[in-house]
C-alpha cells in the first residue's frame, strides 16, 4: 500500500492558487464596509477621501476579446472597479490583484480601463469629439515581487509623439503587519509571508515547525492590528468578523495539509470557530447553486444569521475556558456587552 503523504503544497501560480486569492479578494471587496474601502483606496492611491464618501463596488465585468492571431473569441474578467463620490467629485478606480510578476498585466489593465471608460463615453453634439474618462489603475502583489513601484507602458505615435501610461504597484509583503492597519482588508493575505520558504522545506519537518511558529506570530500580530484598526474606525465589527473568517479559510486551504501547522489551526479555531467555517462553506456552495437557478433571494440574511450564531458559540466556549473578555472581543469581534451576557 502506498504511504499517504502528510502534507501538500500548491504550485506557485497554479490555477487553484490563483482562484483562491482571486476569490478571496473579490469576496472581501464586495462584503467590506464603506469605511474599510475608503481607507484602502486612500492607502493605495495616496488619497484623502473622508469616511462618509459614497462607495460603489462593481462586481467583476466580463468582456469578449478576440485573439489577434487566430481571431478566436474569448472572455476576460476585470478584478475590482470601485467608484467614490464626494460632492461633485466622482472618481473610478480599477484594482487588479496578482500573485506573481507578470509584465503583461499592465496591458490587460489598460485594456480593461478602456472597456470601462467606453461605458460612459461622451460624444459632442457635432459628433466630432469623443471623451472617455479612464479609471485610475493599480495592481496589488500578494507575494514578493521584483516589479518596480510602477508598471509602465509607452505608447508611441507618428511624429515622435508618445504617451506614458503608468500602473502603481502595491506589494503587500514588503510592509509589516502594523503598517497595514489602515489597509486592513489586505491583512488576510499576509498568510503568504512564509509560503515561499515552506515550498523549499517540504522534506524538512523541523523547518516546517519553525515556519509554523513564525506564522503563529504573524497571526497574533494580525489579530492585534485588526483590533487597533477597529478602534481607529478604519473598519467595522462586521469587517473584523469577515476578515477573520476569510483568513481562517485561506489558512486551511494553504497549510491545512501540514501536520506541523496543527497548532496554528488551533489558534485560528479560537479566532474563528471552525464549525462556523464549515457552515459558511456549505452556505456559499448553496448560494452559488441557487444563483444559477435564480433562487438566491434571502441567502445573505441567512448566512449572516448563521455567522452570528457561530461566533456567539465560540465566544461562550472561550469564556468557559477562562479567556479574558478582551481576548474574546479580539478573536470574535463581538461587543463586550454581548460577551458579558453569555
C-alpha atoms as a PDB file:
ATOM      1  CA  UNK A   1       0.000   0.000   0.000  1.00  0.00           C
ATOM      2  CA  UNK A   2       1.348   3.413  -0.935  1.00  0.00           C
ATOM      3  CA  UNK A   3       2.064   5.601   2.061  1.00  0.00           C
ATOM      4  CA  UNK A   4      -0.204   8.617   2.303  1.00  0.00           C
ATOM      5  CA  UNK A   5       1.642  11.898   2.058  1.00  0.00           C
ATOM      6  CA  UNK A   6       1.051  14.005   5.164  1.00  0.00           C
ATOM      7  CA  UNK A   7       1.432  17.387   3.512  1.00  0.00           C
ATOM      8  CA  UNK A   8       0.715  19.159   0.280  1.00  0.00           C
ATOM      9  CA  UNK A   9       1.656  22.388  -1.430  1.00  0.00           C
ATOM     10  CA  UNK A  10       0.029  24.302  -4.222  1.00  0.00           C
ATOM     11  CA  UNK A  11       2.488  25.101  -7.004  1.00  0.00           C
ATOM     12  CA  UNK A  12       3.377  28.750  -7.466  1.00  0.00           C
ATOM     13  CA  UNK A  13       0.954  30.388  -9.839  1.00  0.00           C
ATOM     14  CA  UNK A  14      -1.215  27.274 -10.094  1.00  0.00           C
ATOM     15  CA  UNK A  15      -4.806  27.709 -11.168  1.00  0.00           C
ATOM     16  CA  UNK A  16      -6.027  26.556  -7.737  1.00  0.00           C
ATOM     17  CA  UNK A  17      -3.825  29.137  -6.016  1.00  0.00           C
ATOM     18  CA  UNK A  18      -4.956  31.969  -8.281  1.00  0.00           C
ATOM     19  CA  UNK A  19      -8.578  31.007  -7.792  1.00  0.00           C
ATOM     20  CA  UNK A  20      -8.156  31.023  -4.010  1.00  0.00           C
ATOM     21  CA  UNK A  21      -6.697  34.522  -3.900  1.00  0.00           C
ATOM     22  CA  UNK A  22      -8.842  35.991  -6.673  1.00  0.00           C
ATOM     23  CA  UNK A  23     -11.958  34.639  -4.988  1.00  0.00           C
ATOM     24  CA  UNK A  24     -10.909  35.853  -1.550  1.00  0.00           C
ATOM     25  CA  UNK A  25     -10.090  39.357  -2.784  1.00  0.00           C
ATOM     26  CA  UNK A  26     -13.371  39.689  -4.647  1.00  0.00           C
ATOM     27  CA  UNK A  27     -15.291  38.345  -1.633  1.00  0.00           C
ATOM     28  CA  UNK A  28     -13.601  40.801   0.745  1.00  0.00           C
ATOM     29  CA  UNK A  29     -14.138  43.798  -1.528  1.00  0.00           C
ATOM     30  CA  UNK A  30     -17.827  43.057  -2.103  1.00  0.00           C
ATOM     31  CA  UNK A  31     -18.534  42.420   1.608  1.00  0.00           C
ATOM     32  CA  UNK A  32     -16.410  45.203   3.157  1.00  0.00           C
ATOM     33  CA  UNK A  33     -17.849  48.326   4.742  1.00  0.00           C
ATOM     34  CA  UNK A  34     -17.664  51.752   3.155  1.00  0.00           C
ATOM     35  CA  UNK A  35     -15.107  52.872   5.747  1.00  0.00           C
ATOM     36  CA  UNK A  36     -12.790  49.940   5.015  1.00  0.00           C
ATOM     37  CA  UNK A  37     -12.872  50.515   1.260  1.00  0.00           C
ATOM     38  CA  UNK A  38     -12.329  54.274   1.582  1.00  0.00           C
ATOM     39  CA  UNK A  39      -9.238  53.691   3.718  1.00  0.00           C
ATOM     40  CA  UNK A  40      -7.977  51.054   1.288  1.00  0.00           C
ATOM     41  CA  UNK A  41      -8.273  53.472  -1.643  1.00  0.00           C
ATOM     42  CA  UNK A  42      -6.648  56.256   0.394  1.00  0.00           C
ATOM     43  CA  UNK A  43      -3.732  53.987   1.272  1.00  0.00           C
ATOM     44  CA  UNK A  44      -3.055  52.514  -2.165  1.00  0.00           C
ATOM     45  CA  UNK A  45      -3.598  55.680  -4.192  1.00  0.00           C
ATOM     46  CA  UNK A  46      -2.305  58.219  -1.618  1.00  0.00           C
ATOM     47  CA  UNK A  47      -5.675  59.969  -1.450  1.00  0.00           C
ATOM     48  CA  UNK A  48      -7.554  61.605   1.396  1.00  0.00           C
ATOM     49  CA  UNK A  49     -11.249  60.797   0.935  1.00  0.00           C
ATOM     50  CA  UNK A  50     -13.388  61.416   4.036  1.00  0.00           C
ATOM     51  CA  UNK A  51     -15.047  58.394   5.721  1.00  0.00           C
ATOM     52  CA  UNK A  52     -18.548  59.470   4.582  1.00  0.00           C
ATOM     53  CA  UNK A  53     -17.600  59.175   0.896  1.00  0.00           C
ATOM     54  CA  UNK A  54     -20.177  57.275  -1.154  1.00  0.00           C
ATOM     55  CA  UNK A  55     -18.724  53.995  -2.411  1.00  0.00           C
ATOM     56  CA  UNK A  56     -19.893  51.806  -5.270  1.00  0.00           C
ATOM     57  CA  UNK A  57     -18.155  48.463  -5.757  1.00  0.00           C
ATOM     58  CA  UNK A  58     -18.979  46.785  -9.039  1.00  0.00           C
ATOM     59  CA  UNK A  59     -18.686  43.072  -9.427  1.00  0.00           C
ATOM     60  CA  UNK A  60     -16.098  41.937 -11.999  1.00  0.00           C
ATOM     61  CA  UNK A  61     -17.271  42.525 -15.562  1.00  0.00           C
ATOM     62  CA  UNK A  62     -16.926  40.044 -18.395  1.00  0.00           C
ATOM     63  CA  UNK A  63     -15.623  41.318 -21.725  1.00  0.00           C
ATOM     64  CA  UNK A  64     -15.431  39.462 -25.025  1.00  0.00           C
ATOM     65  CA  UNK A  65     -11.955  39.579 -26.537  1.00  0.00           C
ATOM     66  CA  UNK A  66     -10.537  38.475 -29.874  1.00  0.00           C
ATOM     67  CA  UNK A  67      -7.179  36.744 -30.277  1.00  0.00           C
ATOM     68  CA  UNK A  68      -5.109  38.912 -32.654  1.00  0.00           C
ATOM     69  CA  UNK A  69      -3.542  35.875 -34.349  1.00  0.00           C
ATOM     70  CA  UNK A  70      -6.276  33.261 -34.528  1.00  0.00           C
ATOM     71  CA  UNK A  71      -9.264  35.548 -34.402  1.00  0.00           C
ATOM     72  CA  UNK A  72     -10.851  33.244 -31.805  1.00  0.00           C
ATOM     73  CA  UNK A  73     -13.250  34.893 -29.378  1.00  0.00           C
ATOM     74  CA  UNK A  74     -12.649  34.566 -25.654  1.00  0.00           C
ATOM     75  CA  UNK A  75     -13.753  36.073 -22.394  1.00  0.00           C
ATOM     76  CA  UNK A  76     -11.870  38.056 -19.792  1.00  0.00           C
ATOM     77  CA  UNK A  77     -12.841  39.435 -16.400  1.00  0.00           C
ATOM     78  CA  UNK A  78     -11.730  42.596 -14.637  1.00  0.00           C
ATOM     79  CA  UNK A  79     -10.955  42.458 -10.940  1.00  0.00           C
ATOM     80  CA  UNK A  80     -12.479  45.224  -8.826  1.00  0.00           C
ATOM     81  CA  UNK A  81     -13.909  48.519 -10.088  1.00  0.00           C
ATOM     82  CA  UNK A  82     -14.607  51.000  -7.284  1.00  0.00           C
ATOM     83  CA  UNK A  83     -16.236  54.416  -7.701  1.00  0.00           C
ATOM     84  CA  UNK A  84     -16.002  57.029  -4.938  1.00  0.00           C
ATOM     85  CA  UNK A  85     -18.326  60.033  -4.915  1.00  0.00           C
ATOM     86  CA  UNK A  86     -17.989  63.052  -2.659  1.00  0.00           C
ATOM     87  CA  UNK A  87     -19.971  66.146  -3.615  1.00  0.00           C
ATOM     88  CA  UNK A  88     -19.234  66.999  -7.251  1.00  0.00           C
ATOM     89  CA  UNK A  89     -16.163  64.753  -7.246  1.00  0.00           C
ATOM     90  CA  UNK A  90     -16.550  61.260  -8.702  1.00  0.00           C
ATOM     91  CA  UNK A  91     -13.531  59.033  -9.272  1.00  0.00           C
ATOM     92  CA  UNK A  92     -13.276  55.464 -10.535  1.00  0.00           C
ATOM     93  CA  UNK A  93     -10.514  53.019  -9.601  1.00  0.00           C
ATOM     94  CA  UNK A  94      -9.542  49.709 -11.182  1.00  0.00           C
ATOM     95  CA  UNK A  95      -7.677  47.357  -8.839  1.00  0.00           C
ATOM     96  CA  UNK A  96      -6.081  44.175 -10.173  1.00  0.00           C
ATOM     97  CA  UNK A  97      -4.501  41.557  -7.913  1.00  0.00           C
ATOM     98  CA  UNK A  98      -1.528  39.354  -8.802  1.00  0.00           C
ATOM     99  CA  UNK A  99       0.257  36.521  -7.035  1.00  0.00           C
ATOM    100  CA  UNK A 100       3.375  36.647  -9.209  1.00  0.00           C
ATOM    101  CA  UNK A 101       5.191  39.004 -11.568  1.00  0.00           C
ATOM    102  CA  UNK A 102       3.607  39.431 -14.980  1.00  0.00           C
ATOM    103  CA  UNK A 103       4.660  42.342 -17.160  1.00  0.00           C
ATOM    104  CA  UNK A 104       1.642  41.937 -19.413  1.00  0.00           C
ATOM    105  CA  UNK A 105      -0.693  42.729 -16.506  1.00  0.00           C
ATOM    106  CA  UNK A 106      -0.216  46.393 -17.431  1.00  0.00           C
ATOM    107  CA  UNK A 107      -1.556  45.684 -20.927  1.00  0.00           C
ATOM    108  CA  UNK A 108      -4.572  43.851 -19.525  1.00  0.00           C
ATOM    109  CA  UNK A 109      -5.261  46.696 -17.095  1.00  0.00           C
ATOM    110  CA  UNK A 110      -5.033  49.208 -19.962  1.00  0.00           C
ATOM    111  CA  UNK A 111      -7.473  47.124 -21.996  1.00  0.00           C
ATOM    112  CA  UNK A 112      -9.880  46.795 -19.047  1.00  0.00           C
ATOM    113  CA  UNK A 113      -9.647  50.536 -18.416  1.00  0.00           C
ATOM    114  CA  UNK A 114     -10.665  51.354 -21.982  1.00  0.00           C
ATOM    115  CA  UNK A 115     -13.597  48.934 -21.784  1.00  0.00           C
ATOM    116  CA  UNK A 116     -14.756  50.563 -18.543  1.00  0.00           C
ATOM    117  CA  UNK A 117     -14.259  54.106 -19.868  1.00  0.00           C
ATOM    118  CA  UNK A 118     -16.220  53.364 -23.048  1.00  0.00           C
ATOM    119  CA  UNK A 119     -19.297  52.543 -20.975  1.00  0.00           C
ATOM    120  CA  UNK A 120     -19.648  56.256 -20.140  1.00  0.00           C
ATOM    121  CA  UNK A 121     -18.242  57.860 -23.284  1.00  0.00           C
ATOM    122  CA  UNK A 122     -19.393  61.352 -24.151  1.00  0.00           C
ATOM    123  CA  UNK A 123     -19.865  62.412 -27.799  1.00  0.00           C
ATOM    124  CA  UNK A 124     -20.020  66.087 -28.732  1.00  0.00           C
ATOM    125  CA  UNK A 125     -23.176  67.494 -30.345  1.00  0.00           C
ATOM    126  CA  UNK A 126     -21.490  67.796 -33.736  1.00  0.00           C
ATOM    127  CA  UNK A 127     -20.195  64.241 -33.499  1.00  0.00           C
ATOM    128  CA  UNK A 128     -16.559  65.213 -33.959  1.00  0.00           C
ATOM    129  CA  UNK A 129     -15.311  64.828 -30.406  1.00  0.00           C
ATOM    130  CA  UNK A 130     -15.345  61.753 -28.167  1.00  0.00           C
ATOM    131  CA  UNK A 131     -14.415  61.860 -24.479  1.00  0.00           C
ATOM    132  CA  UNK A 132     -13.714  58.863 -22.254  1.00  0.00           C
ATOM    133  CA  UNK A 133     -12.672  59.042 -18.597  1.00  0.00           C
ATOM    134  CA  UNK A 134     -10.123  56.361 -17.744  1.00  0.00           C
ATOM    135  CA  UNK A 135     -10.233  54.805 -14.252  1.00  0.00           C
ATOM    136  CA  UNK A 136      -7.164  55.121 -12.017  1.00  0.00           C
ATOM    137  CA  UNK A 137      -5.367  51.741 -12.150  1.00  0.00           C
ATOM    138  CA  UNK A 138      -3.357  49.850  -9.539  1.00  0.00           C
ATOM    139  CA  UNK A 139      -2.058  46.319  -9.126  1.00  0.00           C
ATOM    140  CA  UNK A 140      -1.663  44.552  -5.779  1.00  0.00           C
ATOM    141  CA  UNK A 141       1.006  41.869  -5.483  1.00  0.00           C
ATOM    142  CA  UNK A 142       0.318  39.293  -2.802  1.00  0.00           C
ATOM    143  CA  UNK A 143       3.821  37.816  -2.743  1.00  0.00           C
ATOM    144  CA  UNK A 144       7.306  39.301  -3.013  1.00  0.00           C
ATOM    145  CA  UNK A 145       7.693  40.955  -6.388  1.00  0.00           C
ATOM    146  CA  UNK A 146      10.647  42.177  -8.450  1.00  0.00           C
ATOM    147  CA  UNK A 147       8.368  44.714 -10.075  1.00  0.00           C
ATOM    148  CA  UNK A 148       9.229  48.367  -9.556  1.00  0.00           C
ATOM    149  CA  UNK A 149       6.824  50.785  -7.938  1.00  0.00           C
ATOM    150  CA  UNK A 150       5.199  51.438 -11.315  1.00  0.00           C
ATOM    151  CA  UNK A 151       4.436  49.297 -14.357  1.00  0.00           C
ATOM    152  CA  UNK A 152       4.872  51.467 -17.446  1.00  0.00           C
ATOM    153  CA  UNK A 153       3.552  51.358 -20.998  1.00  0.00           C
ATOM    154  CA  UNK A 154       4.930  53.847 -23.501  1.00  0.00           C
ATOM    155  CA  UNK A 155       2.514  54.368 -26.381  1.00  0.00           C
ATOM    156  CA  UNK A 156       4.311  55.824 -29.379  1.00  0.00           C
ATOM    157  CA  UNK A 157       2.534  57.704 -32.159  1.00  0.00           C
ATOM    158  CA  UNK A 158       3.640  59.060 -35.545  1.00  0.00           C
ATOM    159  CA  UNK A 159       5.541  62.322 -35.388  1.00  0.00           C
ATOM    160  CA  UNK A 160       7.720  61.235 -32.471  1.00  0.00           C
ATOM    161  CA  UNK A 161       4.848  61.701 -30.041  1.00  0.00           C
ATOM    162  CA  UNK A 162       4.360  59.362 -27.101  1.00  0.00           C
ATOM    163  CA  UNK A 163       2.143  58.928 -24.052  1.00  0.00           C
ATOM    164  CA  UNK A 164       3.245  57.097 -20.892  1.00  0.00           C
ATOM    165  CA  UNK A 165       0.635  55.008 -19.049  1.00  0.00           C
ATOM    166  CA  UNK A 166       1.650  54.056 -15.512  1.00  0.00           C
ATOM    167  CA  UNK A 167       0.142  51.496 -13.133  1.00  0.00           C
ATOM    168  CA  UNK A 168       1.248  51.827  -9.493  1.00  0.00           C
ATOM    169  CA  UNK A 169       2.160  48.559  -7.752  1.00  0.00           C
ATOM    170  CA  UNK A 170       1.433  47.818  -4.094  1.00  0.00           C
ATOM    171  CA  UNK A 171       3.418  44.906  -2.644  1.00  0.00           C
ATOM    172  CA  UNK A 172       1.697  43.600   0.465  1.00  0.00           C
ATOM    173  CA  UNK A 173       4.574  41.575   1.924  1.00  0.00           C
ATOM    174  CA  UNK A 174       7.037  44.464   1.719  1.00  0.00           C
ATOM    175  CA  UNK A 175       5.097  46.045   4.590  1.00  0.00           C
ATOM    176  CA  UNK A 176       4.949  44.969   8.215  1.00  0.00           C
ATOM    177  CA  UNK A 177       1.629  43.843   9.686  1.00  0.00           C
ATOM    178  CA  UNK A 178       1.318  47.060  11.716  1.00  0.00           C
ATOM    179  CA  UNK A 179       1.859  49.169   8.581  1.00  0.00           C
ATOM    180  CA  UNK A 180      -1.311  47.653   7.126  1.00  0.00           C
ATOM    181  CA  UNK A 181      -3.521  48.917   9.958  1.00  0.00           C
ATOM    182  CA  UNK A 182      -5.297  51.415   7.691  1.00  0.00           C
ATOM    183  CA  UNK A 183      -5.325  48.824   4.870  1.00  0.00           C
ATOM    184  CA  UNK A 184      -6.906  46.106   6.986  1.00  0.00           C
ATOM    185  CA  UNK A 185      -8.684  44.481   4.030  1.00  0.00           C
ATOM    186  CA  UNK A 186      -5.261  43.203   2.898  1.00  0.00           C
ATOM    187  CA  UNK A 187      -4.314  41.573   6.216  1.00  0.00           C
ATOM    188  CA  UNK A 188      -5.619  38.041   5.437  1.00  0.00           C
ATOM    189  CA  UNK A 189      -3.141  37.848   2.552  1.00  0.00           C
ATOM    190  CA  UNK A 190      -0.240  38.225   4.974  1.00  0.00           C
ATOM    191  CA  UNK A 191      -0.607  34.477   5.460  1.00  0.00           C
ATOM    192  CA  UNK A 192       1.533  34.186   2.332  1.00  0.00           C
ATOM    193  CA  UNK A 193       4.562  35.524   4.210  1.00  0.00           C
ATOM    194  CA  UNK A 194       6.003  32.043   4.811  1.00  0.00           C
ATOM    195  CA  UNK A 195       4.671  30.214   1.738  1.00  0.00           C
ATOM    196  CA  UNK A 196       7.796  30.589  -0.423  1.00  0.00           C
ATOM    197  CA  UNK A 197      10.033  29.270   2.373  1.00  0.00           C
ATOM    198  CA  UNK A 198       7.627  26.425   3.046  1.00  0.00           C
ATOM    199  CA  UNK A 199       7.764  25.267  -0.562  1.00  0.00           C
ATOM    200  CA  UNK A 200      11.544  24.937  -0.221  1.00  0.00           C
ATOM    201  CA  UNK A 201      11.253  22.936   3.016  1.00  0.00           C
ATOM    202  CA  UNK A 202       8.746  20.211   2.199  1.00  0.00           C
ATOM    203  CA  UNK A 203      11.165  17.428   3.171  1.00  0.00           C
ATOM    204  CA  UNK A 204      12.338  19.133   6.398  1.00  0.00           C
ATOM    205  CA  UNK A 205       9.843  18.714   9.233  1.00  0.00           C
ATOM    206  CA  UNK A 206      11.965  20.801  11.614  1.00  0.00           C
ATOM    207  CA  UNK A 207      11.960  23.727   9.228  1.00  0.00           C
ATOM    208  CA  UNK A 208       8.208  23.405   8.792  1.00  0.00           C
ATOM    209  CA  UNK A 209       7.729  23.574  12.568  1.00  0.00           C
ATOM    210  CA  UNK A 210       9.860  26.705  12.663  1.00  0.00           C
ATOM    211  CA  UNK A 211       7.767  28.274   9.909  1.00  0.00           C
ATOM    212  CA  UNK A 212       4.573  27.290  11.713  1.00  0.00           C
ATOM    213  CA  UNK A 213       5.798  29.137  14.824  1.00  0.00           C
ATOM    214  CA  UNK A 214       6.657  32.142  12.677  1.00  0.00           C
ATOM    215  CA  UNK A 215       3.186  32.086  11.090  1.00  0.00           C
ATOM    216  CA  UNK A 216       1.568  31.841  14.529  1.00  0.00           C
ATOM    217  CA  UNK A 217       3.444  35.020  15.460  1.00  0.00           C
ATOM    218  CA  UNK A 218       2.093  36.757  12.378  1.00  0.00           C
ATOM    219  CA  UNK A 219      -1.397  35.576  13.279  1.00  0.00           C
ATOM    220  CA  UNK A 220      -1.153  37.216  16.698  1.00  0.00           C
ATOM    221  CA  UNK A 221       0.108  40.438  15.079  1.00  0.00           C
ATOM    222  CA  UNK A 222      -2.776  40.370  12.617  1.00  0.00           C
ATOM    223  CA  UNK A 223      -5.318  39.888  15.424  1.00  0.00           C
ATOM    224  CA  UNK A 224      -3.873  42.853  17.333  1.00  0.00           C
ATOM    225  CA  UNK A 225      -3.761  45.014  14.203  1.00  0.00           C
ATOM    226  CA  UNK A 226      -7.381  44.207  13.359  1.00  0.00           C
ATOM    227  CA  UNK A 227      -8.311  45.259  16.897  1.00  0.00           C
ATOM    228  CA  UNK A 228      -6.447  48.583  16.512  1.00  0.00           C
ATOM    229  CA  UNK A 229      -7.906  49.129  13.062  1.00  0.00           C
ATOM    230  CA  UNK A 230     -11.384  48.698  14.525  1.00  0.00           C
ATOM    231  CA  UNK A 231     -10.610  51.066  17.414  1.00  0.00           C
ATOM    232  CA  UNK A 232      -9.480  53.717  14.920  1.00  0.00           C
ATOM    233  CA  UNK A 233     -12.644  53.227  12.811  1.00  0.00           C
ATOM    234  CA  UNK A 234     -10.727  52.053   9.746  1.00  0.00           C
ATOM    235  CA  UNK A 235     -13.021  49.018   9.704  1.00  0.00           C
ATOM    236  CA  UNK A 236     -16.247  47.897  11.393  1.00  0.00           C
ATOM    237  CA  UNK A 237     -17.135  44.983  13.680  1.00  0.00           C
ATOM    238  CA  UNK A 238     -18.593  43.138  10.699  1.00  0.00           C
ATOM    239  CA  UNK A 239     -15.365  43.680   8.758  1.00  0.00           C
ATOM    240  CA  UNK A 240     -13.381  42.098  11.596  1.00  0.00           C
ATOM    241  CA  UNK A 241     -15.595  39.019  11.585  1.00  0.00           C
ATOM    242  CA  UNK A 242     -15.491  38.740   7.796  1.00  0.00           C
ATOM    243  CA  UNK A 243     -11.702  39.130   7.596  1.00  0.00           C
ATOM    244  CA  UNK A 244     -11.075  36.533  10.314  1.00  0.00           C
ATOM    245  CA  UNK A 245     -13.386  34.105   8.557  1.00  0.00           C
ATOM    246  CA  UNK A 246     -11.616  34.616   5.252  1.00  0.00           C
ATOM    247  CA  UNK A 247      -8.189  34.328   6.887  1.00  0.00           C
ATOM    248  CA  UNK A 248      -9.106  31.043   8.524  1.00  0.00           C
ATOM    249  CA  UNK A 249     -10.431  29.657   5.263  1.00  0.00           C
ATOM    250  CA  UNK A 250      -7.307  30.698   3.360  1.00  0.00           C
ATOM    251  CA  UNK A 251      -5.068  29.169   6.031  1.00  0.00           C
ATOM    252  CA  UNK A 252      -6.921  25.885   5.809  1.00  0.00           C
ATOM    253  CA  UNK A 253      -6.503  25.817   2.030  1.00  0.00           C
ATOM    254  CA  UNK A 254      -2.811  26.772   2.124  1.00  0.00           C
ATOM    255  CA  UNK A 255      -1.455  24.952   5.155  1.00  0.00           C
ATOM    256  CA  UNK A 256      -4.170  22.594   6.394  1.00  0.00           C
ATOM    257  CA  UNK A 257      -2.378  19.565   4.931  1.00  0.00           C
ATOM    258  CA  UNK A 258       0.787  20.074   7.006  1.00  0.00           C
ATOM    259  CA  UNK A 259       0.757  18.339  10.390  1.00  0.00           C
ATOM    260  CA  UNK A 260       3.279  20.845  11.748  1.00  0.00           C
ATOM    261  CA  UNK A 261       0.670  23.596  11.410  1.00  0.00           C
ATOM    262  CA  UNK A 262      -1.846  21.933  13.734  1.00  0.00           C
ATOM    263  CA  UNK A 263      -1.039  24.435  16.470  1.00  0.00           C
ATOM    264  CA  UNK A 264      -1.732  27.334  14.130  1.00  0.00           C
ATOM    265  CA  UNK A 265      -5.047  25.717  13.254  1.00  0.00           C
ATOM    266  CA  UNK A 266      -5.907  25.635  16.950  1.00  0.00           C
ATOM    267  CA  UNK A 267      -5.080  29.354  17.226  1.00  0.00           C
ATOM    268  CA  UNK A 268      -7.419  30.033  14.338  1.00  0.00           C
ATOM    269  CA  UNK A 269     -10.123  27.955  15.950  1.00  0.00           C
ATOM    270  CA  UNK A 270     -10.005  30.384  18.847  1.00  0.00           C
ATOM    271  CA  UNK A 271     -10.167  33.323  16.483  1.00  0.00           C
ATOM    272  CA  UNK A 272     -12.942  31.810  14.466  1.00  0.00           C
ATOM    273  CA  UNK A 273     -14.954  28.693  15.222  1.00  0.00           C
ATOM    274  CA  UNK A 274     -14.233  26.029  12.586  1.00  0.00           C
ATOM    275  CA  UNK A 275     -17.792  24.751  12.744  1.00  0.00           C
ATOM    276  CA  UNK A 276     -18.857  28.169  11.517  1.00  0.00           C
ATOM    277  CA  UNK A 277     -16.388  27.881   8.638  1.00  0.00           C
ATOM    278  CA  UNK A 278     -17.978  24.613   7.604  1.00  0.00           C
ATOM    279  CA  UNK A 279     -21.413  26.198   7.681  1.00  0.00           C
ATOM    280  CA  UNK A 280     -20.146  29.127   5.612  1.00  0.00           C
ATOM    281  CA  UNK A 281     -18.563  26.811   3.044  1.00  0.00           C
ATOM    282  CA  UNK A 282     -21.828  24.900   2.732  1.00  0.00           C
ATOM    283  CA  UNK A 283     -23.862  28.126   2.589  1.00  0.00           C
ATOM    284  CA  UNK A 284     -21.615  29.621  -0.102  1.00  0.00           C
ATOM    285  CA  UNK A 285     -21.915  26.446  -2.162  1.00  0.00           C
ATOM    286  CA  UNK A 286     -25.702  26.515  -1.834  1.00  0.00           C
ATOM    287  CA  UNK A 287     -25.755  30.224  -2.670  1.00  0.00           C
ATOM    288  CA  UNK A 288     -23.721  29.627  -5.838  1.00  0.00           C
ATOM    289  CA  UNK A 289     -26.061  26.831  -6.885  1.00  0.00           C
ATOM    290  CA  UNK A 290     -29.124  28.901  -6.073  1.00  0.00           C
ATOM    291  CA  UNK A 291     -27.750  31.856  -8.019  1.00  0.00           C
ATOM    292  CA  UNK A 292     -27.524  29.727 -11.139  1.00  0.00           C
ATOM    293  CA  UNK A 293     -31.154  28.840 -10.664  1.00  0.00           C
ATOM    294  CA  UNK A 294     -32.125  32.404  -9.826  1.00  0.00           C
ATOM    295  CA  UNK A 295     -33.184  31.398  -6.325  1.00  0.00           C
ATOM    296  CA  UNK A 296     -30.639  33.150  -4.095  1.00  0.00           C
ATOM    297  CA  UNK A 297     -33.055  35.669  -2.579  1.00  0.00           C
ATOM    298  CA  UNK A 298     -32.625  35.926   1.167  1.00  0.00           C
ATOM    299  CA  UNK A 299     -29.416  33.876   1.259  1.00  0.00           C
ATOM    300  CA  UNK A 300     -27.268  36.730   2.571  1.00  0.00           C
ATOM    301  CA  UNK A 301     -29.590  37.206   5.524  1.00  0.00           C
ATOM    302  CA  UNK A 302     -29.473  33.520   6.409  1.00  0.00           C
ATOM    303  CA  UNK A 303     -25.691  33.414   6.069  1.00  0.00           C
ATOM    304  CA  UNK A 304     -25.244  36.374   8.392  1.00  0.00           C
ATOM    305  CA  UNK A 305     -27.565  34.824  10.980  1.00  0.00           C
ATOM    306  CA  UNK A 306     -25.551  31.597  10.941  1.00  0.00           C
ATOM    307  CA  UNK A 307     -22.320  33.564  11.244  1.00  0.00           C
ATOM    308  CA  UNK A 308     -23.531  35.470  14.319  1.00  0.00           C
ATOM    309  CA  UNK A 309     -24.770  32.278  15.984  1.00  0.00           C
ATOM    310  CA  UNK A 310     -21.434  30.528  15.401  1.00  0.00           C
ATOM    311  CA  UNK A 311     -19.435  33.444  16.810  1.00  0.00           C
ATOM    312  CA  UNK A 312     -21.617  33.504  19.908  1.00  0.00           C
ATOM    313  CA  UNK A 313     -20.960  29.788  20.457  1.00  0.00           C
ATOM    314  CA  UNK A 314     -17.216  30.327  20.026  1.00  0.00           C
ATOM    315  CA  UNK A 315     -17.245  33.238  22.492  1.00  0.00           C
ATOM    316  CA  UNK A 316     -19.105  31.176  25.096  1.00  0.00           C
ATOM    317  CA  UNK A 317     -16.610  28.323  24.737  1.00  0.00           C
ATOM    318  CA  UNK A 318     -13.672  30.708  25.192  1.00  0.00           C
ATOM    319  CA  UNK A 319     -15.339  32.325  28.218  1.00  0.00           C
ATOM    320  CA  UNK A 320     -15.980  28.933  29.814  1.00  0.00           C
ATOM    321  CA  UNK A 321     -12.302  28.081  29.208  1.00  0.00           C
ATOM    322  CA  UNK A 322     -11.256  31.136  31.214  1.00  0.00           C
ATOM    323  CA  UNK A 323     -10.194  33.521  28.411  1.00  0.00           C
ATOM    324  CA  UNK A 324     -10.428  37.232  29.187  1.00  0.00           C
ATOM    325  CA  UNK A 325     -13.219  39.364  27.773  1.00  0.00           C
ATOM    326  CA  UNK A 326     -10.669  41.495  25.885  1.00  0.00           C
ATOM    327  CA  UNK A 327      -9.202  38.443  24.182  1.00  0.00           C
ATOM    328  CA  UNK A 328     -12.656  37.136  23.270  1.00  0.00           C
ATOM    329  CA  UNK A 329     -13.528  40.540  21.783  1.00  0.00           C
ATOM    330  CA  UNK A 330     -10.385  40.492  19.633  1.00  0.00           C
ATOM    331  CA  UNK A 331     -10.961  36.930  18.480  1.00  0.00           C
ATOM    332  CA  UNK A 332     -14.679  37.082  17.709  1.00  0.00           C
ATOM    333  CA  UNK A 333     -15.395  40.752  17.045  1.00  0.00           C
ATOM    334  CA  UNK A 334     -18.377  40.618  19.443  1.00  0.00           C
ATOM    335  CA  UNK A 335     -19.100  43.536  21.761  1.00  0.00           C
ATOM    336  CA  UNK A 336     -18.249  43.462  25.469  1.00  0.00           C
ATOM    337  CA  UNK A 337     -21.964  43.621  26.353  1.00  0.00           C
ATOM    338  CA  UNK A 338     -22.778  40.526  24.300  1.00  0.00           C
ATOM    339  CA  UNK A 339     -19.869  38.581  25.791  1.00  0.00           C
ATOM    340  CA  UNK A 340     -20.749  39.555  29.374  1.00  0.00           C
ATOM    341  CA  UNK A 341     -24.315  38.390  28.765  1.00  0.00           C
ATOM    342  CA  UNK A 342     -23.239  34.867  27.816  1.00  0.00           C
END
